[in-house]
PDB file of N, CA and C in Angstrom:
ATOM      1  N   PRO A   1       0.836  -1.194   0.000  1.00  0.00           N
ATOM      2  CA  PRO A   1       0.000   0.000   0.000  1.00  0.00           C
ATOM      3  C   PRO A   1       0.870   1.243   0.000  1.00  0.00           C
ATOM      4  N   ALA A   2       0.361   2.287  -0.611  1.00  0.00           N
ATOM      5  CA  ALA A   2       1.130   3.505  -0.799  1.00  0.00           C
ATOM      6  C   ALA A   2       1.393   4.228   0.510  1.00  0.00           C
ATOM      7  N   GLY A   3       0.493   4.219   1.440  1.00  0.00           N
ATOM      8  CA  GLY A   3       0.661   4.960   2.685  1.00  0.00           C
ATOM      9  C   GLY A   3       1.249   4.128   3.799  1.00  0.00           C
ATOM     10  N   ALA A   4       1.641   2.899   3.541  1.00  0.00           N
ATOM     11  CA  ALA A   4       2.143   2.014   4.588  1.00  0.00           C
ATOM     12  C   ALA A   4       3.534   2.440   5.014  1.00  0.00           C
ATOM     13  N   ALA A   5       3.790   2.303   6.315  1.00  0.00           N
ATOM     14  CA  ALA A   5       5.093   2.657   6.866  1.00  0.00           C
ATOM     15  C   ALA A   5       6.079   1.540   6.567  1.00  0.00           C
ATOM     16  N   VAL A   6       7.322   1.923   6.269  1.00  0.00           N
ATOM     17  CA  VAL A   6       8.386   0.965   6.015  1.00  0.00           C
ATOM     18  C   VAL A   6       9.169   0.820   7.306  1.00  0.00           C
ATOM     19  N   PRO A   7       9.382  -0.428   7.759  1.00  0.00           N
ATOM     20  CA  PRO A   7      10.094  -0.600   9.021  1.00  0.00           C
ATOM     21  C   PRO A   7      11.510  -0.002   8.932  1.00  0.00           C
ATOM     22  N   GLY A   8      11.919   0.737   9.911  1.00  0.00           N
ATOM     23  CA  GLY A   8      13.245   1.324   9.989  1.00  0.00           C
ATOM     24  C   GLY A   8      13.365   2.665   9.283  1.00  0.00           C
ATOM     25  N   VAL A   9      12.327   3.091   8.584  1.00  0.00           N
ATOM     26  CA  VAL A   9      12.355   4.387   7.903  1.00  0.00           C
ATOM     27  C   VAL A   9      11.340   5.280   8.588  1.00  0.00           C
ATOM     28  N   PRO A  10      11.812   6.427   9.056  1.00  0.00           N
ATOM     29  CA  PRO A  10      10.857   7.311   9.745  1.00  0.00           C
ATOM     30  C   PRO A  10       9.812   7.851   8.778  1.00  0.00           C
ATOM     31  N   ALA A  11       8.629   8.006   9.232  1.00  0.00           N
ATOM     32  CA  ALA A  11       7.532   8.526   8.416  1.00  0.00           C
ATOM     33  C   ALA A  11       7.754  10.022   8.215  1.00  0.00           C
ATOM     34  N   PRO A  12       7.412  10.528   7.022  1.00  0.00           N
ATOM     35  CA  PRO A  12       7.563  11.967   6.790  1.00  0.00           C
ATOM     36  C   PRO A  12       6.582  12.739   7.655  1.00  0.00           C
ATOM     37  N   PRO A  13       6.967  13.947   8.030  1.00  0.00           N
ATOM     38  CA  PRO A  13       6.052  14.743   8.863  1.00  0.00           C
ATOM     39  C   PRO A  13       4.812  15.111   8.052  1.00  0.00           C
ATOM     40  N   PRO A  14       3.688  15.223   8.721  1.00  0.00           N
ATOM     41  CA  PRO A  14       2.467  15.604   7.994  1.00  0.00           C
ATOM     42  C   PRO A  14       2.642  16.997   7.388  1.00  0.00           C
ATOM     43  N   MET A  15       2.087  17.187   6.195  1.00  0.00           N
ATOM     44  CA  MET A  15       2.256  18.441   5.487  1.00  0.00           C
ATOM     45  C   MET A  15       1.029  19.305   5.693  1.00  0.00           C
ATOM     46  N   ASP A  16       1.274  20.567   5.961  1.00  0.00           N
ATOM     47  CA  ASP A  16       0.152  21.506   6.093  1.00  0.00           C
ATOM     48  C   ASP A  16      -0.327  21.901   4.699  1.00  0.00           C
ATOM     49  N   PRO A  17      -1.489  22.475   4.551  1.00  0.00           N
ATOM     50  CA  PRO A  17      -2.032  22.818   3.231  1.00  0.00           C
ATOM     51  C   PRO A  17      -1.094  23.747   2.442  1.00  0.00           C
ATOM     52  N   ALA A  18      -0.425  24.668   3.094  1.00  0.00           N
ATOM     53  CA  ALA A  18       0.487  25.582   2.381  1.00  0.00           C
ATOM     54  C   ALA A  18       1.681  24.792   1.840  1.00  0.00           C
ATOM     55  N   GLY A  19       2.182  23.847   2.635  1.00  0.00           N
ATOM     56  CA  GLY A  19       3.294  23.009   2.190  1.00  0.00           C
ATOM     57  C   GLY A  19       2.892  22.128   1.022  1.00  0.00           C
ATOM     58  N   GLN A  20       1.641  21.627   1.072  1.00  0.00           N
ATOM     59  CA  GLN A  20       1.150  20.812  -0.030  1.00  0.00           C
ATOM     60  C   GLN A  20       1.049  21.638  -1.319  1.00  0.00           C
ATOM     61  N   MET A  21       0.622  22.872  -1.175  1.00  0.00           N
ATOM     62  CA  MET A  21       0.509  23.749  -2.349  1.00  0.00           C
ATOM     63  C   MET A  21       1.895  24.061  -2.915  1.00  0.00           C
ATOM     64  N   GLN A  22       2.872  24.256  -2.024  1.00  0.00           N
ATOM     65  CA  GLN A  22       4.234  24.530  -2.483  1.00  0.00           C
ATOM     66  C   GLN A  22       4.814  23.312  -3.200  1.00  0.00           C
ATOM     67  N   ALA A  23       4.546  22.137  -2.647  1.00  0.00           N
ATOM     68  CA  ALA A  23       5.050  20.914  -3.262  1.00  0.00           C
ATOM     69  C   ALA A  23       4.416  20.713  -4.633  1.00  0.00           C
ATOM     70  N   ALA A  24       3.108  20.975  -4.738  1.00  0.00           N
ATOM     71  CA  ALA A  24       2.412  20.841  -6.016  1.00  0.00           C
ATOM     72  C   ALA A  24       2.950  21.863  -7.016  1.00  0.00           C
ATOM     73  N   ALA A  25       3.199  23.075  -6.565  1.00  0.00           N
ATOM     74  CA  ALA A  25       3.733  24.124  -7.437  1.00  0.00           C
ATOM     75  C   ALA A  25       5.144  23.749  -7.905  1.00  0.00           C
ATOM     76  N   ALA A  26       5.943  23.202  -7.004  1.00  0.00           N
ATOM     77  CA  ALA A  26       7.296  22.790  -7.367  1.00  0.00           C
ATOM     78  C   ALA A  26       7.256  21.659  -8.387  1.00  0.00           C
ATOM     79  N   GLN A  27       6.311  20.738  -8.187  1.00  0.00           N
ATOM     80  CA  GLN A  27       6.177  19.621  -9.124  1.00  0.00           C
ATOM     81  C   GLN A  27       5.737  20.133 -10.501  1.00  0.00           C
ATOM     82  N   GLN A  28       4.807  21.077 -10.510  1.00  0.00           N
ATOM     83  CA  GLN A  28       4.361  21.653 -11.778  1.00  0.00           C
ATOM     84  C   GLN A  28       5.498  22.389 -12.479  1.00  0.00           C
ATOM     85  N   ALA A  29       6.278  23.126 -11.692  1.00  0.00           N
ATOM     86  CA  ALA A  29       7.413  23.857 -12.265  1.00  0.00           C
ATOM     87  C   ALA A  29       8.418  22.879 -12.870  1.00  0.00           C
ATOM     88  N   MET A  30       8.671  21.773 -12.177  1.00  0.00           N
ATOM     89  CA  MET A  30       9.597  20.771 -12.676  1.00  0.00           C
ATOM     90  C   MET A  30       9.087  20.163 -13.976  1.00  0.00           C
ATOM     91  N   MET A  31       7.797  19.863 -14.036  1.00  0.00           N
ATOM     92  CA  MET A  31       7.210  19.292 -15.252  1.00  0.00           C
ATOM     93  C   MET A  31       7.282  20.301 -16.405  1.00  0.00           C
ATOM     94  N   PHE A  32       6.995  21.561 -16.107  1.00  0.00           N
ATOM     95  CA  PHE A  32       7.056  22.606 -17.119  1.00  0.00           C
ATOM     96  C   PHE A  32       8.486  22.747 -17.662  1.00  0.00           C
ATOM     97  N   TYR A  33       9.463  22.713 -16.766  1.00  0.00           N
ATOM     98  CA  TYR A  33      10.869  22.810 -17.143  1.00  0.00           C
ATOM     99  C   TYR A  33      11.261  21.631 -18.046  1.00  0.00           C
ATOM    100  N   GLN A  34      10.813  20.435 -17.680  1.00  0.00           N
ATOM    101  CA  GLN A  34      11.126  19.251 -18.493  1.00  0.00           C
ATOM    102  C   GLN A  34      10.487  19.353 -19.883  1.00  0.00           C
ATOM    103  N   GLN A  35       9.264  19.863 -19.933  1.00  0.00           N
ATOM    104  CA  GLN A  35       8.597  20.034 -21.225  1.00  0.00           C
ATOM    105  C   GLN A  35       9.344  21.039 -22.100  1.00  0.00           C
ATOM    106  N   MET A  36       9.808  22.112 -21.471  1.00  0.00           N
ATOM    107  CA  MET A  36      10.564  23.119 -22.213  1.00  0.00           C
ATOM    108  C   MET A  36      11.860  22.524 -22.766  1.00  0.00           C
ATOM    109  N   GLN A  37      12.521  21.726 -21.959  1.00  0.00           N
ATOM    110  CA  GLN A  37      13.754  21.086 -22.417  1.00  0.00           C
ATOM    111  C   GLN A  37      13.481  20.154 -23.598  1.00  0.00           C
ATOM    112  N   MET A  38      12.425  19.391 -23.512  1.00  0.00           N
ATOM    113  CA  MET A  38      12.070  18.482 -24.600  1.00  0.00           C
ATOM    114  C   MET A  38      11.763  19.262 -25.875  1.00  0.00           C
ATOM    115  N   GLN A  39      11.034  20.374 -25.752  1.00  0.00           N
ATOM    116  CA  GLN A  39      10.701  21.184 -26.919  1.00  0.00           C
ATOM    117  C   GLN A  39      11.964  21.784 -27.545  1.00  0.00           C
ATOM    118  N   GLN A  40      12.895  22.223 -26.700  1.00  0.00           N
ATOM    119  CA  GLN A  40      14.144  22.778 -27.217  1.00  0.00           C
ATOM    120  C   GLN A  40      14.945  21.709 -27.955  1.00  0.00           C
ATOM    121  N   GLN A  41      14.980  20.511 -27.408  1.00  0.00           N
ATOM    122  CA  GLN A  41      15.699  19.416 -28.064  1.00  0.00           C
ATOM    123  C   GLN A  41      15.051  19.072 -29.401  1.00  0.00           C
ATOM    124  N   GLN A  42      13.711  19.037 -29.425  1.00  0.00           N
ATOM    125  CA  GLN A  42      13.007  18.749 -30.669  1.00  0.00           C
ATOM    126  C   GLN A  42      13.274  19.840 -31.698  1.00  0.00           C
ATOM    127  N   HIS A  43      13.254  21.090 -31.251  1.00  0.00           N
ATOM    128  CA  HIS A  43      13.520  22.217 -32.152  1.00  0.00           C
ATOM    129  C   HIS A  43      14.933  22.125 -32.723  1.00  0.00           C
ATOM    130  N   LEU A  44      15.900  21.793 -31.882  1.00  0.00           N
ATOM    131  CA  LEU A  44      17.283  21.647 -32.323  1.00  0.00           C
ATOM    132  C   LEU A  44      17.415  20.497 -33.327  1.00  0.00           C
ATOM    133  N   GLN A  45      16.742  19.392 -33.071  1.00  0.00           N
ATOM    134  CA  GLN A  45      16.779  18.256 -33.997  1.00  0.00           C
ATOM    135  C   GLN A  45      16.185  18.638 -35.353  1.00  0.00           C
ATOM    136  N   ILE A  46      15.100  19.386 -35.341  1.00  0.00           N
ATOM    137  CA  ILE A  46      14.459  19.822 -36.587  1.00  0.00           C
ATOM    138  C   ILE A  46      15.405  20.733 -37.363  1.00  0.00           C
ATOM    139  N   GLN A  47      16.067  21.658 -36.664  1.00  0.00           N
ATOM    140  CA  GLN A  47      17.019  22.552 -37.327  1.00  0.00           C
ATOM    141  C   GLN A  47      18.166  21.754 -37.944  1.00  0.00           C
ATOM    142  N   GLN A  48      18.674  20.775 -37.215  1.00  0.00           N
ATOM    143  CA  GLN A  48      19.772  19.956 -37.731  1.00  0.00           C
ATOM    144  C   GLN A  48      19.333  19.168 -38.957  1.00  0.00           C
ATOM    145  N   GLN A  49      18.115  18.651 -38.925  1.00  0.00           N
ATOM    146  CA  GLN A  49      17.600  17.904 -40.074  1.00  0.00           C
ATOM    147  C   GLN A  49      17.452  18.814 -41.289  1.00  0.00           C
ATOM    148  N   GLN A  50      16.958  20.031 -41.066  1.00  0.00           N
ATOM    149  CA  GLN A  50      16.802  20.971 -42.171  1.00  0.00           C
ATOM    150  C   GLN A  50      18.156  21.344 -42.771  1.00  0.00           C
ATOM    151  N   GLN A  51      19.144  21.560 -41.914  1.00  0.00           N
ATOM    152  CA  GLN A  51      20.483  21.886 -42.404  1.00  0.00           C
ATOM    153  C   GLN A  51      21.068  20.713 -43.182  1.00  0.00           C
ATOM    154  N   ALA A  52      20.839  19.510 -42.680  1.00  0.00           N
ATOM    155  CA  ALA A  52      21.358  18.321 -43.360  1.00  0.00           C
ATOM    156  C   ALA A  52      20.721  18.165 -44.738  1.00  0.00           C
ATOM    157  N   LEU A  53      19.457  18.560 -44.871  1.00  0.00           N
ATOM    158  CA  LEU A  53      18.786  18.479 -46.162  1.00  0.00           C
ATOM    159  C   LEU A  53      19.282  19.563 -47.117  1.00  0.00           C
ATOM    160  N   GLN A  54      19.602  20.730 -46.587  1.00  0.00           N
ATOM    161  CA  GLN A  54      20.016  21.847 -47.429  1.00  0.00           C
ATOM    162  C   GLN A  54      21.438  21.675 -47.943  1.00  0.00           C
ATOM    163  N   GLN A  55      22.314  21.054 -47.183  1.00  0.00           N
ATOM    164  CA  GLN A  55      23.701  20.914 -47.612  1.00  0.00           C
ATOM    165  C   GLN A  55      23.840  20.102 -48.894  1.00  0.00           C
ATOM    166  N   PRO A  56      23.193  18.933 -49.015  1.00  0.00           N
ATOM    167  CA  PRO A  56      23.323  18.211 -50.283  1.00  0.00           C
ATOM    168  C   PRO A  56      22.757  18.991 -51.469  1.00  0.00           C
ATOM    169  N   ILE A  57      21.700  19.748 -51.235  1.00  0.00           N
ATOM    170  CA  ILE A  57      21.105  20.531 -52.319  1.00  0.00           C
ATOM    171  C   ILE A  57      22.101  21.585 -52.791  1.00  0.00           C
ATOM    172  N   ALA A  58      22.724  22.280 -51.844  1.00  0.00           N
ATOM    173  CA  ALA A  58      23.687  23.318 -52.205  1.00  0.00           C
ATOM    174  C   ALA A  58      24.888  22.725 -52.929  1.00  0.00           C
ATOM    175  N   SER A  59      25.397  21.616 -52.435  1.00  0.00           N
ATOM    176  CA  SER A  59      26.556  21.016 -53.095  1.00  0.00           C
ATOM    177  C   SER A  59      26.182  20.462 -54.462  1.00  0.00           C
ATOM    178  N   GLN A  60      24.973  19.971 -54.599  1.00  0.00           N
ATOM    179  CA  GLN A  60      24.545  19.456 -55.893  1.00  0.00           C
ATOM    180  C   GLN A  60      24.387  20.599 -56.898  1.00  0.00           C
ATOM    181  N   LEU A  61      23.877  21.741 -56.431  1.00  0.00           N
ATOM    182  CA  LEU A  61      23.749  22.887 -57.327  1.00  0.00           C
ATOM    183  C   LEU A  61      25.124  23.386 -57.759  1.00  0.00           C
ATOM    184  N   THR A  62      26.068  23.375 -56.842  1.00  0.00           N
ATOM    185  CA  THR A  62      27.432  23.783 -57.183  1.00  0.00           C
ATOM    186  C   THR A  62      28.023  22.837 -58.216  1.00  0.00           C
ATOM    187  N   LEU A  63      27.820  21.554 -58.014  1.00  0.00           N
ATOM    188  CA  LEU A  63      28.323  20.554 -58.958  1.00  0.00           C
ATOM    189  C   LEU A  63      27.692  20.745 -60.339  1.00  0.00           C
ATOM    190  N   GLN A  64      26.391  20.990 -60.369  1.00  0.00           N
ATOM    191  CA  GLN A  64      25.711  21.201 -61.648  1.00  0.00           C
ATOM    192  C   GLN A  64      26.252  22.441 -62.357  1.00  0.00           C
ATOM    193  N   ALA A  65      26.492  23.495 -61.587  1.00  0.00           N
ATOM    194  CA  ALA A  65      27.034  24.717 -62.178  1.00  0.00           C
ATOM    195  C   ALA A  65      28.427  24.461 -62.750  1.00  0.00           C
ATOM    196  N   ALA A  66      29.241  23.716 -62.023  1.00  0.00           N
ATOM    197  CA  ALA A  66      30.591  23.397 -62.499  1.00  0.00           C
ATOM    198  C   ALA A  66      30.534  22.551 -63.774  1.00  0.00           C
ATOM    199  N   GLN A  67      29.623  21.595 -63.799  1.00  0.00           N
ATOM    200  CA  GLN A  67      29.484  20.756 -64.985  1.00  0.00           C
ATOM    201  C   GLN A  67      28.994  21.569 -66.184  1.00  0.00           C
ATOM    202  N   ALA A  68      28.074  22.484 -65.930  1.00  0.00           N
ATOM    203  CA  ALA A  68      27.572  23.329 -67.012  1.00  0.00           C
ATOM    204  C   ALA A  68      28.690  24.222 -67.551  1.00  0.00           C
ATOM    205  N   TYR A  69      29.519  24.731 -66.666  1.00  0.00           N
ATOM    206  CA  TYR A  69      30.647  25.553 -67.097  1.00  0.00           C
ATOM    207  C   TYR A  69      31.627  24.726 -67.932  1.00  0.00           C
ATOM    208  N   ASP A  70      31.954  23.539 -67.438  1.00  0.00           N
ATOM    209  CA  ASP A  70      32.865  22.664 -68.188  1.00  0.00           C
ATOM    210  C   ASP A  70      32.301  22.351 -69.576  1.00  0.00           C
ATOM    211  N   ALA A  71      31.004  22.104 -69.634  1.00  0.00           N
ATOM    212  CA  ALA A  71      30.380  21.795 -70.921  1.00  0.00           C
ATOM    213  C   ALA A  71      30.441  22.996 -71.857  1.00  0.00           C
ATOM    214  N   SER A  72      30.209  24.198 -71.316  1.00  0.00           N
ATOM    215  CA  SER A  72      30.241  25.389 -72.171  1.00  0.00           C
ATOM    216  C   SER A  72      31.656  25.667 -72.673  1.00  0.00           C
ATOM    217  N   VAL A  73      32.654  25.409 -71.820  1.00  0.00           N
ATOM    218  CA  VAL A  73      34.041  25.609 -72.233  1.00  0.00           C
ATOM    219  C   VAL A  73      34.406  24.613 -73.320  1.00  0.00           C
ATOM    220  N   GLN A  74      33.935  23.380 -73.157  1.00  0.00           N
ATOM    221  CA  GLN A  74      34.269  22.353 -74.138  1.00  0.00           C
ATOM    222  C   GLN A  74      33.524  22.553 -75.459  1.00  0.00           C
ATOM    223  N   GLU A  75      32.387  23.213 -75.426  1.00  0.00           N
ATOM    224  CA  GLU A  75      31.632  23.435 -76.655  1.00  0.00           C
ATOM    225  C   GLU A  75      32.370  24.391 -77.585  1.00  0.00           C
ATOM    226  N   LYS A  76      33.117  25.321 -77.026  1.00  0.00           N
ATOM    227  CA  LYS A  76      33.868  26.281 -77.834  1.00  0.00           C
ATOM    228  C   LYS A  76      35.143  25.602 -78.316  1.00  0.00           C
ATOM    229  N   ILE A  77      35.245  25.455 -79.581  1.00  0.00           N
ATOM    230  CA  ILE A  77      36.430  24.803 -80.153  1.00  0.00           C
ATOM    231  C   ILE A  77      37.568  25.810 -80.175  1.00  0.00           C
ATOM    232  N   ASP A  78      38.696  25.351 -79.682  1.00  0.00           N
ATOM    233  CA  ASP A  78      39.883  26.200 -79.631  1.00  0.00           C
ATOM    234  C   ASP A  78      40.232  26.686 -81.040  1.00  0.00           C
ATOM    235  N   PRO A  79      40.625  27.944 -81.182  1.00  0.00           N
ATOM    236  CA  PRO A  79      40.950  28.482 -82.509  1.00  0.00           C
ATOM    237  C   PRO A  79      42.054  27.696 -83.235  1.00  0.00           C
ATOM    238  N   GLU A  80      43.039  27.212 -82.487  1.00  0.00           N
ATOM    239  CA  GLU A  80      44.113  26.443 -83.135  1.00  0.00           C
ATOM    240  C   GLU A  80      43.580  25.130 -83.703  1.00  0.00           C
ATOM    241  N   VAL A  81      42.682  24.490 -82.949  1.00  0.00           N
ATOM    242  CA  VAL A  81      42.076  23.238 -83.431  1.00  0.00           C
ATOM    243  C   VAL A  81      41.201  23.544 -84.639  1.00  0.00           C
ATOM    244  N   GLN A  82      40.479  24.652 -84.567  1.00  0.00           N
ATOM    245  CA  GLN A  82      39.619  25.043 -85.684  1.00  0.00           C
ATOM    246  C   GLN A  82      40.467  25.293 -86.943  1.00  0.00           C
ATOM    247  N   GLU A  83      41.610  25.921 -86.759  1.00  0.00           N
ATOM    248  CA  GLU A  83      42.513  26.179 -87.887  1.00  0.00           C
ATOM    249  C   GLU A  83      43.040  24.868 -88.486  1.00  0.00           C
ATOM    250  N   LEU A  84      43.412  23.940 -87.600  1.00  0.00           N
ATOM    251  CA  LEU A  84      43.872  22.624 -88.054  1.00  0.00           C
ATOM    252  C   LEU A  84      42.773  21.912 -88.852  1.00  0.00           C
ATOM    253  N   ALA A  85      41.569  21.970 -88.302  1.00  0.00           N
ATOM    254  CA  ALA A  85      40.435  21.302 -88.946  1.00  0.00           C
ATOM    255  C   ALA A  85      40.178  21.895 -90.333  1.00  0.00           C
ATOM    256  N   HIS A  86      40.286  23.205 -90.424  1.00  0.00           N
ATOM    257  CA  HIS A  86      40.069  23.856 -91.716  1.00  0.00           C
ATOM    258  C   HIS A  86      41.169  23.462 -92.715  1.00  0.00           C
ATOM    259  N   HIS A  87      42.400  23.447 -92.233  1.00  0.00           N
ATOM    260  CA  HIS A  87      43.538  23.122 -93.097  1.00  0.00           C
ATOM    261  C   HIS A  87      43.448  21.686 -93.634  1.00  0.00           C
ATOM    262  N   PHE A  88      43.060  20.759 -92.748  1.00  0.00           N
ATOM    263  CA  PHE A  88      43.001  19.346 -93.154  1.00  0.00           C
ATOM    264  C   PHE A  88      41.594  18.913 -93.577  1.00  0.00           C
ATOM    265  N   LYS A  89      40.680  19.872 -93.637  1.00  0.00           N
ATOM    266  CA  LYS A  89      39.298  19.614 -94.079  1.00  0.00           C
ATOM    267  C   LYS A  89      38.621  18.512 -93.263  1.00  0.00           C
ATOM    268  N   LEU A  90      38.716  18.677 -91.916  1.00  0.00           N
ATOM    269  CA  LEU A  90      38.087  17.709 -91.007  1.00  0.00           C
ATOM    270  C   LEU A  90      36.616  18.067 -90.851  1.00  0.00           C
ATOM    271  N   ASP A  91      35.768  17.031 -90.709  1.00  0.00           N
ATOM    272  CA  ASP A  91      34.353  17.325 -90.481  1.00  0.00           C
ATOM    273  C   ASP A  91      34.135  17.761 -89.015  1.00  0.00           C
ATOM    274  N   GLU A  92      32.918  18.206 -88.734  1.00  0.00           N
ATOM    275  CA  GLU A  92      32.610  18.797 -87.424  1.00  0.00           C
ATOM    276  C   GLU A  92      32.789  17.804 -86.272  1.00  0.00           C
ATOM    277  N   ARG A  93      32.354  16.560 -86.477  1.00  0.00           N
ATOM    278  CA  ARG A  93      32.451  15.550 -85.420  1.00  0.00           C
ATOM    279  C   ARG A  93      33.917  15.288 -85.051  1.00  0.00           C
ATOM    280  N   ILE A  94      34.753  15.110 -86.037  1.00  0.00           N
ATOM    281  CA  ILE A  94      36.173  14.844 -85.781  1.00  0.00           C
ATOM    282  C   ILE A  94      36.832  16.075 -85.154  1.00  0.00           C
ATOM    283  N   THR A  95      36.435  17.250 -85.592  1.00  0.00           N
ATOM    284  CA  THR A  95      36.986  18.487 -85.018  1.00  0.00           C
ATOM    285  C   THR A  95      36.647  18.582 -83.539  1.00  0.00           C
ATOM    286  N   LYS A  96      35.397  18.288 -83.188  1.00  0.00           N
ATOM    287  CA  LYS A  96      35.005  18.321 -81.774  1.00  0.00           C
ATOM    288  C   LYS A  96      35.763  17.277 -80.975  1.00  0.00           C
ATOM    289  N   ASP A  97      35.892  16.071 -81.519  1.00  0.00           N
ATOM    290  CA  ASP A  97      36.636  15.010 -80.827  1.00  0.00           C
ATOM    291  C   ASP A  97      38.092  15.411 -80.614  1.00  0.00           C
ATOM    292  N   LEU A  98      38.696  15.982 -81.644  1.00  0.00           N
ATOM    293  CA  LEU A  98      40.080  16.431 -81.526  1.00  0.00           C
ATOM    294  C   LEU A  98      40.209  17.517 -80.468  1.00  0.00           C
ATOM    295  N   ASP A  99      39.267  18.447 -80.470  1.00  0.00           N
ATOM    296  CA  ASP A  99      39.280  19.536 -79.489  1.00  0.00           C
ATOM    297  C   ASP A  99      39.172  18.996 -78.061  1.00  0.00           C
ATOM    298  N   VAL A 100      38.267  18.040 -77.845  1.00  0.00           N
ATOM    299  CA  VAL A 100      38.094  17.433 -76.516  1.00  0.00           C
ATOM    300  C   VAL A 100      39.381  16.740 -76.088  1.00  0.00           C
ATOM    301  N   GLN A 101      39.974  15.988 -76.996  1.00  0.00           N
ATOM    302  CA  GLN A 101      41.214  15.271 -76.666  1.00  0.00           C
ATOM    303  C   GLN A 101      42.351  16.233 -76.360  1.00  0.00           C
ATOM    304  N   MET A 102      42.444  17.294 -77.104  1.00  0.00           N
ATOM    305  CA  MET A 102      43.519  18.262 -76.866  1.00  0.00           C
ATOM    306  C   MET A 102      43.315  19.001 -75.538  1.00  0.00           C
ATOM    307  N   LYS A 103      42.073  19.229 -75.156  1.00  0.00           N
ATOM    308  CA  LYS A 103      41.807  19.898 -73.869  1.00  0.00           C
ATOM    309  C   LYS A 103      42.146  18.999 -72.691  1.00  0.00           C
ATOM    310  N   THR A 104      42.089  17.696 -72.877  1.00  0.00           N
ATOM    311  CA  THR A 104      42.484  16.792 -71.783  1.00  0.00           C
ATOM    312  C   THR A 104      43.997  16.689 -71.678  1.00  0.00           C
ATOM    313  N   ARG A 105      44.696  17.098 -72.722  1.00  0.00           N
ATOM    314  CA  ARG A 105      46.165  17.066 -72.736  1.00  0.00           C
ATOM    315  C   ARG A 105      46.692  18.496 -72.675  1.00  0.00           C
ATOM    316  N   LYS A 106      46.401  19.176 -71.613  1.00  0.00           N
ATOM    317  CA  LYS A 106      46.735  20.587 -71.486  1.00  0.00           C
ATOM    318  C   LYS A 106      48.228  20.865 -71.628  1.00  0.00           C
ATOM    319  N   GLN A 107      49.080  19.979 -71.114  1.00  0.00           N
ATOM    320  CA  GLN A 107      50.524  20.216 -71.181  1.00  0.00           C
ATOM    321  C   GLN A 107      51.002  20.232 -72.625  1.00  0.00           C
ATOM    322  N   THR A 108      50.597  19.270 -73.414  1.00  0.00           N
ATOM    323  CA  THR A 108      51.067  19.214 -74.795  1.00  0.00           C
ATOM    324  C   THR A 108      50.298  20.149 -75.695  1.00  0.00           C
ATOM    325  N   PHE A 109      49.072  20.507 -75.301  1.00  0.00           N
ATOM    326  CA  PHE A 109      48.246  21.385 -76.122  1.00  0.00           C
ATOM    327  C   PHE A 109      48.832  22.794 -76.150  1.00  0.00           C
ATOM    328  N   ASP A 110      49.343  23.261 -75.015  1.00  0.00           N
ATOM    329  CA  ASP A 110      49.876  24.609 -74.937  1.00  0.00           C
ATOM    330  C   ASP A 110      51.201  24.751 -75.681  1.00  0.00           C
ATOM    331  N   ASP A 111      51.908  23.667 -75.896  1.00  0.00           N
ATOM    332  CA  ASP A 111      53.244  23.731 -76.538  1.00  0.00           C
ATOM    333  C   ASP A 111      53.186  24.043 -77.998  1.00  0.00           C
TER     334      ASP A 111
END
């Protein structure tokens, strides 16, 4: 039983109504504090999840921009390659292939 005395443990002194109200108020304050802590933790978790979702999006957009830039640079055929193609009467497909290959060989291309 909840109110039964435990042998060897002194019984708590009876509480007056004001003491009971203080104890109830303290218990309510403790519960309120715990609820606030839980809400703060939940809010922090939500913020972390949102940041985690935004980081891949930002990095993916950066990657896409870099790829688009690389593609635009590669689309422009280098004037020297264009001159070679004109001199040897190369068709457009071979000229583009040659240009791509020469751009991957930057050391020898500049020489």
